Amino acid sequence: MSTAAERRLVLASNNAKKLKELQALLGATGVTLVAQGQLGISEADEPHSTFVENALAKARHAAAASGLPALADDSGLCVDALGGHPGVQSAHFAAIDRDPAEDREAHRSRQDAANNTRLLTDLAGAGSRRARFVCTLVAVRSADDPEPLIAFGRWEGEIRPAAAGSGGFGYDPLMQIPALGASVAELDAEVKNRHSHRALASAQMVKLMTEVWGLG
């Protein structure tokens, strides 16, 4: 992967905010992430119960459809009082119907709000509000790559009783980081990109891409 074209990686996601975040975090490798939707690639099934299995399935799907190396992120919120849930179901924790008239980002915003409402409802009366954001990144050189690169990141915190902040996405307004004295949604991008679960996983991935793939 030495030329500019060869440094393109398909990101197995259509989340514009995640694309921007990961591109910044992986900048040291010199790779350029391309959202799979830009290449007409459909989203992969995610039938598994663990982040690593789903991330691998998504990376292989994107690589097979594009013929390019691919990177997949499977992330979520794990709450102790809920037995680790919502976990891999974090993005669709609350069931809502898709409005045919709304675009992808509008639907995602409405889904996030519904997920947060359900989380607070399910945690009502819980003694512990300890939780962690979990991120698993998987990169493959091809769909049948026998040596996928796998990186993990965990960011400890606790669930707030009410949302705070307007930044980020998903559960960020409800996730309080005691060490930083703020919710994730109250952190600026620079601080978040130093401390987050995705930042921790990305740092591992940069190291792996540098050592194994020769990037950087």
N, C-alpha and C. Protein backbone atom coordinates (compact mmCIF):
# COMPACT_ATOMS: atom_id res chain seq x y z
N MET A 1 0.84 -1.19 0.00
CA MET A 1 0.00 0.00 0.00
C MET A 1 0.88 1.24 0.00
N SER A 2 1.48 1.55 -1.17
CA SER A 2 2.42 2.65 -1.19
C SER A 2 1.92 3.88 -1.94
N THR A 3 1.09 3.70 -2.97
CA THR A 3 0.58 4.84 -3.72
C THR A 3 -0.67 5.38 -3.08
N ALA A 4 -1.07 6.61 -3.53
CA ALA A 4 -2.27 7.24 -2.97
C ALA A 4 -3.50 6.36 -3.20
N ALA A 5 -3.60 5.78 -4.40
CA ALA A 5 -4.75 4.92 -4.69
C ALA A 5 -4.76 3.70 -3.80
N GLU A 6 -3.56 3.16 -3.55
CA GLU A 6 -3.47 1.95 -2.74
C GLU A 6 -3.72 2.23 -1.26
N ARG A 7 -3.67 3.50 -0.87
CA ARG A 7 -3.89 3.86 0.53
C ARG A 7 -5.36 4.16 0.81
N ARG A 8 -6.23 3.92 -0.15
CA ARG A 8 -7.66 4.08 0.10
C ARG A 8 -8.20 2.87 0.84
N LEU A 9 -8.96 3.13 1.88
CA LEU A 9 -9.64 2.07 2.61
C LEU A 9 -11.13 2.37 2.60
N VAL A 10 -11.91 1.35 2.32
CA VAL A 10 -13.35 1.51 2.39
C VAL A 10 -13.77 1.42 3.86
N LEU A 11 -14.49 2.42 4.33
CA LEU A 11 -15.05 2.37 5.67
C LEU A 11 -16.41 1.72 5.61
N ALA A 12 -16.58 0.63 6.32
CA ALA A 12 -17.84 -0.11 6.29
C ALA A 12 -18.89 0.57 7.16
N SER A 13 -19.20 1.80 6.79
CA SER A 13 -20.19 2.61 7.51
C SER A 13 -20.62 3.74 6.60
N ASN A 14 -21.83 4.24 6.84
CA ASN A 14 -22.30 5.43 6.13
C ASN A 14 -22.54 6.58 7.10
N ASN A 15 -21.97 6.47 8.30
CA ASN A 15 -22.12 7.50 9.31
C ASN A 15 -21.08 8.60 9.05
N ALA A 16 -21.56 9.77 8.61
CA ALA A 16 -20.65 10.85 8.22
C ALA A 16 -19.79 11.33 9.39
N LYS A 17 -20.36 11.37 10.60
CA LYS A 17 -19.61 11.82 11.76
C LYS A 17 -18.52 10.81 12.13
N LYS A 18 -18.85 9.52 12.01
CA LYS A 18 -17.85 8.49 12.30
C LYS A 18 -16.72 8.53 11.27
N LEU A 19 -17.07 8.76 10.00
CA LEU A 19 -16.06 8.85 8.95
C LEU A 19 -15.08 9.98 9.26
N LYS A 20 -15.60 11.15 9.62
CA LYS A 20 -14.75 12.30 9.93
C LYS A 20 -13.86 12.02 11.14
N GLU A 21 -14.43 11.40 12.16
CA GLU A 21 -13.70 11.12 13.39
C GLU A 21 -12.57 10.12 13.13
N LEU A 22 -12.88 9.04 12.42
CA LEU A 22 -11.86 8.02 12.16
C LEU A 22 -10.79 8.53 11.20
N GLN A 23 -11.17 9.35 10.23
CA GLN A 23 -10.18 9.89 9.32
C GLN A 23 -9.14 10.72 10.08
N ALA A 24 -9.62 11.51 11.04
CA ALA A 24 -8.69 12.31 11.85
C ALA A 24 -7.80 11.42 12.71
N LEU A 25 -8.38 10.38 13.28
CA LEU A 25 -7.63 9.51 14.19
C LEU A 25 -6.60 8.65 13.46
N LEU A 26 -6.87 8.32 12.20
CA LEU A 26 -5.95 7.46 11.44
C LEU A 26 -5.04 8.25 10.51
N GLY A 27 -5.03 9.55 10.68
CA GLY A 27 -4.27 10.40 9.78
C GLY A 27 -2.79 10.05 9.68
N ALA A 28 -2.21 9.55 10.76
CA ALA A 28 -0.77 9.25 10.77
C ALA A 28 -0.40 8.14 9.79
N THR A 29 -1.37 7.32 9.40
CA THR A 29 -1.07 6.22 8.47
C THR A 29 -1.06 6.67 7.02
N GLY A 30 -1.63 7.84 6.75
CA GLY A 30 -1.71 8.31 5.37
C GLY A 30 -2.85 7.72 4.58
N VAL A 31 -3.73 6.92 5.23
CA VAL A 31 -4.84 6.32 4.49
C VAL A 31 -5.96 7.33 4.30
N THR A 32 -6.73 7.14 3.25
CA THR A 32 -7.93 7.93 2.99
C THR A 32 -9.12 7.01 3.08
N LEU A 33 -10.04 7.35 3.97
CA LEU A 33 -11.23 6.52 4.14
C LEU A 33 -12.32 6.97 3.17
N VAL A 34 -12.97 5.99 2.56
CA VAL A 34 -14.08 6.25 1.64
C VAL A 34 -15.29 5.51 2.18
N ALA A 35 -16.36 6.22 2.45
CA ALA A 35 -17.57 5.57 2.95
C ALA A 35 -18.11 4.59 1.93
N GLN A 36 -18.55 3.43 2.39
CA GLN A 36 -19.00 2.40 1.46
C GLN A 36 -20.17 2.86 0.59
N GLY A 37 -21.01 3.74 1.12
CA GLY A 37 -22.14 4.23 0.35
C GLY A 37 -21.72 4.99 -0.88
N GLN A 38 -20.55 5.66 -0.84
CA GLN A 38 -20.04 6.38 -2.00
C GLN A 38 -19.70 5.43 -3.14
N LEU A 39 -19.48 4.17 -2.80
CA LEU A 39 -19.14 3.16 -3.81
C LEU A 39 -20.34 2.27 -4.14
N GLY A 40 -21.50 2.64 -3.61
CA GLY A 40 -22.71 1.87 -3.89
C GLY A 40 -22.77 0.54 -3.16
N ILE A 41 -22.06 0.44 -2.05
CA ILE A 41 -22.02 -0.81 -1.29
C ILE A 41 -23.08 -0.78 -0.20
N SER A 42 -23.87 -1.82 -0.16
CA SER A 42 -24.93 -1.91 0.85
C SER A 42 -24.34 -2.23 2.22
N GLU A 43 -25.12 -1.98 3.26
CA GLU A 43 -24.66 -2.30 4.60
C GLU A 43 -24.71 -3.81 4.83
N ALA A 44 -23.75 -4.31 5.55
CA ALA A 44 -23.68 -5.75 5.81
C ALA A 44 -24.62 -6.14 6.94
N ASP A 45 -25.00 -7.41 6.95
CA ASP A 45 -25.76 -7.94 8.08
C ASP A 45 -24.84 -7.97 9.30
N GLU A 46 -25.43 -7.77 10.48
CA GLU A 46 -24.67 -7.82 11.73
C GLU A 46 -25.39 -8.77 12.68
N PRO A 47 -25.29 -10.08 12.41
CA PRO A 47 -26.08 -11.04 13.18
C PRO A 47 -25.44 -11.51 14.47
N HIS A 48 -24.23 -11.06 14.75
CA HIS A 48 -23.47 -11.64 15.85
C HIS A 48 -23.71 -10.91 17.17
N SER A 49 -23.31 -11.55 18.25
CA SER A 49 -23.55 -11.00 19.59
C SER A 49 -22.35 -10.28 20.16
N THR A 50 -21.23 -10.24 19.41
CA THR A 50 -20.03 -9.56 19.89
C THR A 50 -19.59 -8.51 18.88
N PHE A 51 -18.92 -7.47 19.40
CA PHE A 51 -18.43 -6.40 18.54
C PHE A 51 -17.42 -6.91 17.52
N VAL A 52 -16.53 -7.78 17.94
CA VAL A 52 -15.45 -8.21 17.04
C VAL A 52 -16.00 -9.04 15.87
N GLU A 53 -16.98 -9.88 16.12
CA GLU A 53 -17.54 -10.68 15.04
C GLU A 53 -18.27 -9.81 14.02
N ASN A 54 -19.02 -8.83 14.52
CA ASN A 54 -19.74 -7.94 13.61
C ASN A 54 -18.80 -7.05 12.81
N ALA A 55 -17.75 -6.55 13.46
CA ALA A 55 -16.79 -5.71 12.76
C ALA A 55 -16.09 -6.49 11.65
N LEU A 56 -15.73 -7.74 11.93
CA LEU A 56 -15.07 -8.57 10.93
C LEU A 56 -16.01 -8.84 9.76
N ALA A 57 -17.27 -9.11 10.06
CA ALA A 57 -18.25 -9.37 8.99
C ALA A 57 -18.42 -8.14 8.11
N LYS A 58 -18.46 -6.96 8.72
CA LYS A 58 -18.63 -5.73 7.95
C LYS A 58 -17.40 -5.42 7.10
N ALA A 59 -16.22 -5.63 7.66
CA ALA A 59 -14.99 -5.37 6.91
C ALA A 59 -14.88 -6.30 5.70
N ARG A 60 -15.17 -7.57 5.91
CA ARG A 60 -15.09 -8.53 4.80
C ARG A 60 -16.10 -8.20 3.71
N HIS A 61 -17.30 -7.80 4.12
CA HIS A 61 -18.35 -7.45 3.16
C HIS A 61 -17.91 -6.27 2.29
N ALA A 62 -17.38 -5.22 2.92
CA ALA A 62 -16.96 -4.04 2.18
C ALA A 62 -15.78 -4.34 1.26
N ALA A 63 -14.85 -5.17 1.73
CA ALA A 63 -13.69 -5.53 0.91
C ALA A 63 -14.11 -6.36 -0.29
N ALA A 64 -15.03 -7.30 -0.08
CA ALA A 64 -15.50 -8.15 -1.18
C ALA A 64 -16.22 -7.34 -2.24
N ALA A 65 -17.03 -6.37 -1.80
CA ALA A 65 -17.82 -5.59 -2.74
C ALA A 65 -17.00 -4.55 -3.49
N SER A 66 -15.90 -4.08 -2.88
CA SER A 66 -15.11 -3.00 -3.48
C SER A 66 -13.82 -3.46 -4.13
N GLY A 67 -13.30 -4.60 -3.68
CA GLY A 67 -12.00 -5.03 -4.16
C GLY A 67 -10.85 -4.24 -3.53
N LEU A 68 -11.17 -3.47 -2.49
CA LEU A 68 -10.19 -2.64 -1.80
C LEU A 68 -10.03 -3.11 -0.35
N PRO A 69 -8.94 -2.72 0.30
CA PRO A 69 -8.85 -2.95 1.74
C PRO A 69 -10.01 -2.25 2.43
N ALA A 70 -10.39 -2.74 3.58
CA ALA A 70 -11.55 -2.18 4.26
C ALA A 70 -11.32 -2.09 5.75
N LEU A 71 -11.99 -1.13 6.34
CA LEU A 71 -11.95 -0.91 7.78
C LEU A 71 -13.38 -0.88 8.30
N ALA A 72 -13.62 -1.59 9.39
CA ALA A 72 -14.94 -1.59 10.00
C ALA A 72 -14.82 -1.26 11.47
N ASP A 73 -15.81 -0.53 11.94
CA ASP A 73 -15.89 -0.17 13.36
C ASP A 73 -17.19 -0.75 13.89
N ASP A 74 -17.12 -1.47 14.99
CA ASP A 74 -18.35 -1.87 15.67
C ASP A 74 -18.22 -1.36 17.10
N SER A 75 -19.07 -0.43 17.44
CA SER A 75 -18.97 0.25 18.72
C SER A 75 -20.32 0.25 19.42
N GLY A 76 -20.27 0.47 20.70
CA GLY A 76 -21.52 0.55 21.43
C GLY A 76 -21.31 0.90 22.88
N LEU A 77 -22.41 0.94 23.57
CA LEU A 77 -22.43 1.28 24.99
C LEU A 77 -22.77 0.03 25.79
N CYS A 78 -21.97 -0.28 26.77
CA CYS A 78 -22.22 -1.42 27.65
C CYS A 78 -22.47 -0.90 29.07
N VAL A 79 -23.64 -1.19 29.61
CA VAL A 79 -24.05 -0.68 30.91
C VAL A 79 -24.12 -1.83 31.91
N ASP A 80 -23.40 -1.72 33.00
CA ASP A 80 -23.32 -2.82 33.97
C ASP A 80 -24.70 -3.23 34.48
N ALA A 81 -25.53 -2.26 34.85
CA ALA A 81 -26.83 -2.57 35.44
C ALA A 81 -27.77 -3.24 34.46
N LEU A 82 -27.46 -3.17 33.16
CA LEU A 82 -28.28 -3.80 32.13
C LEU A 82 -27.62 -5.06 31.59
N GLY A 83 -26.68 -5.61 32.35
CA GLY A 83 -26.02 -6.84 31.92
C GLY A 83 -25.17 -6.67 30.68
N GLY A 84 -24.64 -5.47 30.47
CA GLY A 84 -23.80 -5.21 29.30
C GLY A 84 -24.55 -4.66 28.11
N HIS A 85 -25.85 -4.61 28.20
CA HIS A 85 -26.64 -4.03 27.11
C HIS A 85 -26.63 -2.51 27.20
N PRO A 86 -26.90 -1.82 26.10
CA PRO A 86 -27.38 -2.32 24.81
C PRO A 86 -26.34 -3.02 23.95
N GLY A 87 -25.05 -2.86 24.24
CA GLY A 87 -24.04 -3.64 23.52
C GLY A 87 -24.10 -3.49 22.02
N VAL A 88 -24.10 -4.62 21.31
CA VAL A 88 -24.10 -4.57 19.85
C VAL A 88 -25.40 -4.03 19.28
N GLN A 89 -26.42 -3.91 20.11
CA GLN A 89 -27.69 -3.35 19.67
C GLN A 89 -27.79 -1.85 19.97
N SER A 90 -26.69 -1.22 20.32
CA SER A 90 -26.70 0.17 20.75
C SER A 90 -27.34 1.11 19.73
N ALA A 91 -27.05 0.91 18.46
CA ALA A 91 -27.56 1.83 17.44
C ALA A 91 -29.07 1.72 17.25
N HIS A 92 -29.63 0.57 17.61
CA HIS A 92 -31.07 0.34 17.40
C HIS A 92 -31.72 -0.15 18.69
N PHE A 93 -31.30 0.41 19.80
CA PHE A 93 -31.79 -0.02 21.10
C PHE A 93 -33.30 0.18 21.22
N ALA A 94 -33.79 1.28 20.72
CA ALA A 94 -35.22 1.56 20.71
C ALA A 94 -35.77 1.31 19.31
N ALA A 95 -36.91 0.66 19.24
CA ALA A 95 -37.52 0.37 17.94
C ALA A 95 -38.31 1.58 17.45
N ILE A 96 -37.94 2.10 16.28
CA ILE A 96 -38.70 3.18 15.66
C ILE A 96 -38.91 2.85 14.19
N ASP A 97 -39.96 3.39 13.62
CA ASP A 97 -40.24 3.18 12.20
C ASP A 97 -39.50 4.21 11.37
N ARG A 98 -39.05 3.80 10.19
CA ARG A 98 -38.36 4.71 9.26
C ARG A 98 -39.39 5.51 8.48
N ASP A 99 -39.26 6.83 8.52
CA ASP A 99 -40.11 7.71 7.73
C ASP A 99 -39.51 7.80 6.33
N PRO A 100 -40.23 7.37 5.29
CA PRO A 100 -39.66 7.39 3.93
C PRO A 100 -39.24 8.78 3.48
N ALA A 101 -39.80 9.82 4.11
CA ALA A 101 -39.51 11.19 3.68
C ALA A 101 -38.22 11.74 4.29
N GLU A 102 -37.69 11.09 5.33
CA GLU A 102 -36.50 11.63 5.99
C GLU A 102 -35.23 11.04 5.43
N ASP A 103 -34.17 11.84 5.42
CA ASP A 103 -32.89 11.34 4.93
C ASP A 103 -32.19 10.55 6.03
N ARG A 104 -31.03 9.99 5.69
CA ARG A 104 -30.32 9.09 6.60
C ARG A 104 -29.95 9.79 7.91
N GLU A 105 -29.43 11.02 7.81
CA GLU A 105 -28.98 11.71 9.01
C GLU A 105 -30.14 12.12 9.91
N ALA A 106 -31.26 12.49 9.30
CA ALA A 106 -32.44 12.85 10.09
C ALA A 106 -32.97 11.63 10.84
N HIS A 107 -32.97 10.50 10.16
CA HIS A 107 -33.43 9.27 10.81
C HIS A 107 -32.47 8.88 11.93
N ARG A 108 -31.16 9.03 11.69
CA ARG A 108 -30.18 8.67 12.71
C ARG A 108 -30.36 9.55 13.95
N SER A 109 -30.63 10.84 13.72
CA SER A 109 -30.83 11.75 14.85
C SER A 109 -32.06 11.36 15.66
N ARG A 110 -33.13 10.98 14.98
CA ARG A 110 -34.35 10.57 15.68
C ARG A 110 -34.13 9.25 16.41
N GLN A 111 -33.36 8.35 15.80
CA GLN A 111 -33.06 7.08 16.44
C GLN A 111 -32.22 7.30 17.70
N ASP A 112 -31.24 8.20 17.62
CA ASP A 112 -30.41 8.50 18.79
C ASP A 112 -31.27 8.99 19.95
N ALA A 113 -32.21 9.88 19.66
CA ALA A 113 -33.07 10.42 20.71
C ALA A 113 -33.90 9.33 21.35
N ALA A 114 -34.44 8.42 20.52
CA ALA A 114 -35.25 7.32 21.04
C ALA A 114 -34.40 6.36 21.87
N ASN A 115 -33.17 6.10 21.42
CA ASN A 115 -32.27 5.23 22.18
C ASN A 115 -31.97 5.81 23.56
N ASN A 116 -31.71 7.10 23.60
CA ASN A 116 -31.40 7.75 24.87
C ASN A 116 -32.58 7.73 25.83
N THR A 117 -33.76 7.92 25.27
CA THR A 117 -34.98 7.87 26.10
C THR A 117 -35.15 6.48 26.70
N ARG A 118 -34.96 5.45 25.88
CA ARG A 118 -35.11 4.08 26.40
C ARG A 118 -34.05 3.78 27.45
N LEU A 119 -32.83 4.23 27.22
CA LEU A 119 -31.77 3.96 28.19
C LEU A 119 -32.12 4.54 29.56
N LEU A 120 -32.58 5.78 29.58
CA LEU A 120 -32.94 6.40 30.85
C LEU A 120 -34.11 5.69 31.50
N THR A 121 -35.06 5.24 30.71
CA THR A 121 -36.21 4.50 31.24
C THR A 121 -35.77 3.18 31.85
N ASP A 122 -34.92 2.46 31.15
CA ASP A 122 -34.47 1.15 31.63
C ASP A 122 -33.59 1.27 32.88
N LEU A 123 -32.94 2.41 33.05
CA LEU A 123 -32.06 2.60 34.20
C LEU A 123 -32.75 3.24 35.39
N ALA A 124 -34.02 3.57 35.25
CA ALA A 124 -34.74 4.20 36.35
C ALA A 124 -34.67 3.31 37.60
N GLY A 125 -34.18 3.85 38.69
CA GLY A 125 -34.09 3.09 39.94
C GLY A 125 -32.86 2.22 40.07
N ALA A 126 -32.01 2.19 39.05
CA ALA A 126 -30.81 1.34 39.11
C ALA A 126 -29.82 1.91 40.12
N GLY A 127 -29.18 1.04 40.88
CA GLY A 127 -28.22 1.50 41.88
C GLY A 127 -26.91 1.96 41.26
N SER A 128 -26.45 1.23 40.26
CA SER A 128 -25.20 1.58 39.58
C SER A 128 -25.50 2.13 38.20
N ARG A 129 -24.79 3.17 37.83
CA ARG A 129 -24.93 3.74 36.49
C ARG A 129 -23.60 3.65 35.73
N ARG A 130 -22.74 2.74 36.20
CA ARG A 130 -21.44 2.56 35.55
C ARG A 130 -21.63 2.01 34.14
N ALA A 131 -20.85 2.56 33.21
CA ALA A 131 -20.96 2.13 31.82
C ALA A 131 -19.64 2.38 31.12
N ARG A 132 -19.53 1.83 29.92
CA ARG A 132 -18.33 2.08 29.12
C ARG A 132 -18.71 2.07 27.64
N PHE A 133 -18.06 2.96 26.91
CA PHE A 133 -18.12 2.90 25.46
C PHE A 133 -17.06 1.89 25.02
N VAL A 134 -17.42 1.03 24.09
CA VAL A 134 -16.52 0.00 23.58
C VAL A 134 -16.39 0.18 22.07
N CYS A 135 -15.18 0.09 21.58
CA CYS A 135 -14.94 0.17 20.14
C CYS A 135 -14.04 -0.97 19.69
N THR A 136 -14.45 -1.65 18.65
CA THR A 136 -13.61 -2.65 18.00
C THR A 136 -13.40 -2.24 16.56
N LEU A 137 -12.15 -2.12 16.14
CA LEU A 137 -11.81 -1.82 14.75
C LEU A 137 -11.19 -3.05 14.12
N VAL A 138 -11.64 -3.36 12.92
CA VAL A 138 -11.06 -4.47 12.16
C VAL A 138 -10.70 -3.97 10.77
N ALA A 139 -9.48 -4.25 10.34
CA ALA A 139 -9.02 -3.89 9.00
C ALA A 139 -8.57 -5.14 8.27
N VAL A 140 -8.96 -5.24 7.01
CA VAL A 140 -8.55 -6.38 6.18
C VAL A 140 -8.00 -5.87 4.85
N ARG A 141 -7.03 -6.58 4.31
CA ARG A 141 -6.47 -6.21 3.01
C ARG A 141 -7.35 -6.70 1.88
N SER A 142 -8.11 -7.75 2.15
CA SER A 142 -9.04 -8.32 1.18
C SER A 142 -10.08 -9.10 1.95
N ALA A 143 -11.11 -9.54 1.24
CA ALA A 143 -12.20 -10.25 1.92
C ALA A 143 -11.74 -11.55 2.55
N ASP A 144 -10.69 -12.17 1.97
CA ASP A 144 -10.21 -13.44 2.51
C ASP A 144 -8.86 -13.29 3.22
N ASP A 145 -8.57 -12.08 3.69
CA ASP A 145 -7.33 -11.83 4.43
C ASP A 145 -7.29 -12.75 5.66
N PRO A 146 -6.27 -13.62 5.76
CA PRO A 146 -6.20 -14.54 6.90
C PRO A 146 -5.67 -13.88 8.17
N GLU A 147 -5.22 -12.61 8.03
CA GLU A 147 -4.61 -11.92 9.17
C GLU A 147 -5.26 -10.55 9.37
N PRO A 148 -6.53 -10.51 9.75
CA PRO A 148 -7.17 -9.20 10.00
C PRO A 148 -6.50 -8.49 11.16
N LEU A 149 -6.42 -7.19 11.06
CA LEU A 149 -5.92 -6.38 12.16
C LEU A 149 -7.10 -6.04 13.07
N ILE A 150 -6.94 -6.28 14.37
CA ILE A 150 -8.04 -6.07 15.32
C ILE A 150 -7.54 -5.22 16.48
N ALA A 151 -8.27 -4.13 16.73
CA ALA A 151 -7.90 -3.22 17.81
C ALA A 151 -9.12 -2.93 18.69
N PHE A 152 -8.87 -2.73 19.98
CA PHE A 152 -9.95 -2.50 20.94
C PHE A 152 -9.73 -1.21 21.72
N GLY A 153 -10.82 -0.60 22.13
CA GLY A 153 -10.75 0.56 23.02
C GLY A 153 -11.95 0.57 23.95
N ARG A 154 -11.72 0.91 25.23
CA ARG A 154 -12.80 1.00 26.20
C ARG A 154 -12.67 2.32 26.95
N TRP A 155 -13.81 3.03 27.11
CA TRP A 155 -13.82 4.34 27.75
C TRP A 155 -14.83 4.30 28.88
N GLU A 156 -14.33 4.36 30.09
CA GLU A 156 -15.18 4.20 31.27
C GLU A 156 -15.89 5.49 31.66
N GLY A 157 -17.13 5.35 32.13
CA GLY A 157 -17.89 6.50 32.59
C GLY A 157 -19.13 6.06 33.33
N GLU A 158 -20.12 6.94 33.38
CA GLU A 158 -21.40 6.61 34.02
C GLU A 158 -22.52 7.36 33.31
N ILE A 159 -23.70 6.80 33.38
CA ILE A 159 -24.84 7.39 32.69
C ILE A 159 -25.45 8.52 33.52
N ARG A 160 -25.56 9.68 32.93
CA ARG A 160 -26.16 10.83 33.58
C ARG A 160 -27.68 10.65 33.70
N PRO A 161 -28.31 11.34 34.65
CA PRO A 161 -29.77 11.28 34.75
C PRO A 161 -30.47 12.09 33.67
N ALA A 162 -29.74 12.99 33.01
CA ALA A 162 -30.31 13.80 31.93
C ALA A 162 -29.19 14.18 30.97
N ALA A 163 -29.57 14.45 29.74
CA ALA A 163 -28.58 14.79 28.70
C ALA A 163 -27.91 16.12 28.99
N ALA A 164 -26.65 16.24 28.53
CA ALA A 164 -25.91 17.49 28.65
C ALA A 164 -24.97 17.62 27.45
N GLY A 165 -24.96 18.78 26.83
CA GLY A 165 -24.06 19.01 25.70
C GLY A 165 -24.74 18.78 24.36
N SER A 166 -24.17 19.38 23.33
CA SER A 166 -24.77 19.29 21.99
C SER A 166 -23.82 18.70 20.96
N GLY A 167 -22.62 18.31 21.37
CA GLY A 167 -21.67 17.74 20.43
C GLY A 167 -21.80 16.23 20.31
N GLY A 168 -20.99 15.64 19.43
CA GLY A 168 -20.99 14.18 19.29
C GLY A 168 -22.26 13.64 18.70
N PHE A 169 -22.54 12.38 19.01
CA PHE A 169 -23.73 11.71 18.50
C PHE A 169 -24.04 10.52 19.39
N GLY A 170 -25.14 9.84 19.11
CA GLY A 170 -25.48 8.65 19.88
C GLY A 170 -25.74 8.97 21.35
N TYR A 171 -25.08 8.19 22.21
CA TYR A 171 -25.27 8.33 23.65
C TYR A 171 -24.36 9.39 24.29
N ASP A 172 -23.62 10.13 23.48
CA ASP A 172 -22.65 11.09 24.01
C ASP A 172 -23.25 12.05 25.05
N PRO A 173 -24.47 12.57 24.86
CA PRO A 173 -25.01 13.51 25.86
C PRO A 173 -25.30 12.87 27.22
N LEU A 174 -25.43 11.54 27.27
CA LEU A 174 -25.74 10.86 28.52
C LEU A 174 -24.52 10.23 29.19
N MET A 175 -23.42 10.17 28.48
CA MET A 175 -22.23 9.51 29.01
C MET A 175 -21.32 10.52 29.71
N GLN A 176 -21.30 10.46 31.03
CA GLN A 176 -20.46 11.34 31.83
C GLN A 176 -19.10 10.70 32.05
N ILE A 177 -18.04 11.47 31.82
CA ILE A 177 -16.68 10.99 32.06
C ILE A 177 -16.16 11.68 33.32
N PRO A 178 -16.22 11.00 34.47
CA PRO A 178 -15.83 11.64 35.73
C PRO A 178 -14.43 12.24 35.70
N ALA A 179 -13.50 11.58 35.04
CA ALA A 179 -12.12 12.07 35.01
C ALA A 179 -12.00 13.41 34.30
N LEU A 180 -12.96 13.71 33.41
CA LEU A 180 -12.92 14.97 32.66
C LEU A 180 -13.98 15.95 33.14
N GLY A 181 -14.86 15.50 34.05
CA GLY A 181 -15.88 16.38 34.59
C GLY A 181 -16.88 16.88 33.58
N ALA A 182 -17.20 16.08 32.59
CA ALA A 182 -18.12 16.51 31.53
C ALA A 182 -18.73 15.30 30.85
N SER A 183 -19.85 15.54 30.17
CA SER A 183 -20.39 14.50 29.30
C SER A 183 -19.56 14.47 28.03
N VAL A 184 -19.63 13.38 27.30
CA VAL A 184 -18.89 13.29 26.04
C VAL A 184 -19.35 14.37 25.07
N ALA A 185 -20.63 14.69 25.08
CA ALA A 185 -21.18 15.71 24.18
C ALA A 185 -20.72 17.12 24.54
N GLU A 186 -20.14 17.29 25.73
CA GLU A 186 -19.63 18.60 26.14
C GLU A 186 -18.15 18.78 25.81
N LEU A 187 -17.51 17.73 25.35
CA LEU A 187 -16.08 17.80 25.04
C LEU A 187 -15.87 18.32 23.62
N ASP A 188 -14.82 19.11 23.42
CA ASP A 188 -14.53 19.50 22.05
C ASP A 188 -13.85 18.34 21.33
N ALA A 189 -13.80 18.42 20.02
CA ALA A 189 -13.33 17.29 19.21
C ALA A 189 -11.90 16.91 19.56
N GLU A 190 -11.05 17.88 19.85
CA GLU A 190 -9.65 17.59 20.16
C GLU A 190 -9.53 16.76 21.43
N VAL A 191 -10.28 17.14 22.46
CA VAL A 191 -10.24 16.39 23.72
C VAL A 191 -10.81 14.99 23.52
N LYS A 192 -11.94 14.90 22.84
CA LYS A 192 -12.57 13.60 22.60
C LYS A 192 -11.63 12.68 21.84
N ASN A 193 -10.95 13.23 20.83
CA ASN A 193 -10.08 12.40 20.01
C ASN A 193 -8.80 11.99 20.71
N ARG A 194 -8.56 12.51 21.91
CA ARG A 194 -7.43 12.06 22.72
C ARG A 194 -7.83 10.97 23.70
N HIS A 195 -9.09 10.96 24.12
CA HIS A 195 -9.49 10.11 25.24
C HIS A 195 -10.50 9.01 24.88
N SER A 196 -11.20 9.11 23.79
CA SER A 196 -12.34 8.24 23.54
C SER A 196 -11.97 6.78 23.27
N HIS A 197 -12.97 5.92 23.37
CA HIS A 197 -12.81 4.50 23.03
C HIS A 197 -12.33 4.34 21.60
N ARG A 198 -12.86 5.20 20.70
CA ARG A 198 -12.44 5.13 19.30
C ARG A 198 -11.01 5.63 19.14
N ALA A 199 -10.62 6.61 19.95
CA ALA A 199 -9.24 7.09 19.92
C ALA A 199 -8.27 6.01 20.39
N LEU A 200 -8.65 5.30 21.46
CA LEU A 200 -7.79 4.24 21.99
C LEU A 200 -7.65 3.10 20.98
N ALA A 201 -8.78 2.70 20.37
CA ALA A 201 -8.73 1.64 19.36
C ALA A 201 -7.95 2.10 18.13
N SER A 202 -8.13 3.36 17.75
CA SER A 202 -7.45 3.88 16.56
C SER A 202 -5.94 3.93 16.78
N ALA A 203 -5.51 4.29 17.99
CA ALA A 203 -4.07 4.32 18.28
C ALA A 203 -3.47 2.92 18.12
N GLN A 204 -4.20 1.92 18.60
CA GLN A 204 -3.75 0.54 18.40
C GLN A 204 -3.72 0.18 16.92
N MET A 205 -4.77 0.62 16.17
CA MET A 205 -4.84 0.30 14.75
C MET A 205 -3.72 0.97 13.97
N VAL A 206 -3.40 2.21 14.30
CA VAL A 206 -2.29 2.90 13.64
C VAL A 206 -1.00 2.10 13.85
N LYS A 207 -0.78 1.64 15.07
CA LYS A 207 0.42 0.85 15.38
C LYS A 207 0.45 -0.43 14.55
N LEU A 208 -0.71 -1.10 14.47
CA LEU A 208 -0.77 -2.34 13.71
C LEU A 208 -0.56 -2.10 12.21
N MET A 209 -1.20 -1.07 11.68
CA MET A 209 -1.04 -0.76 10.24
C MET A 209 0.40 -0.39 9.92
N THR A 210 1.04 0.27 10.86
CA THR A 210 2.44 0.66 10.65
C THR A 210 3.36 -0.56 10.68
N GLU A 211 3.14 -1.41 11.67
CA GLU A 211 4.04 -2.56 11.85
C GLU A 211 3.75 -3.70 10.88
N VAL A 212 2.46 -3.97 10.61
CA VAL A 212 2.10 -5.12 9.80
C VAL A 212 1.94 -4.77 8.31
N TRP A 213 1.31 -3.64 8.04
CA TRP A 213 1.06 -3.24 6.64
C TRP A 213 2.12 -2.31 6.10
N GLY A 214 3.00 -1.80 6.97
CA GLY A 214 4.06 -0.91 6.50
C GLY A 214 3.60 0.48 6.17
N LEU A 215 2.50 0.94 6.75
CA LEU A 215 2.02 2.29 6.48
C LEU A 215 2.66 3.28 7.44
N GLY A 216 2.38 4.57 7.21
CA GLY A 216 2.89 5.61 8.09
C GLY A 216 4.15 6.24 7.56
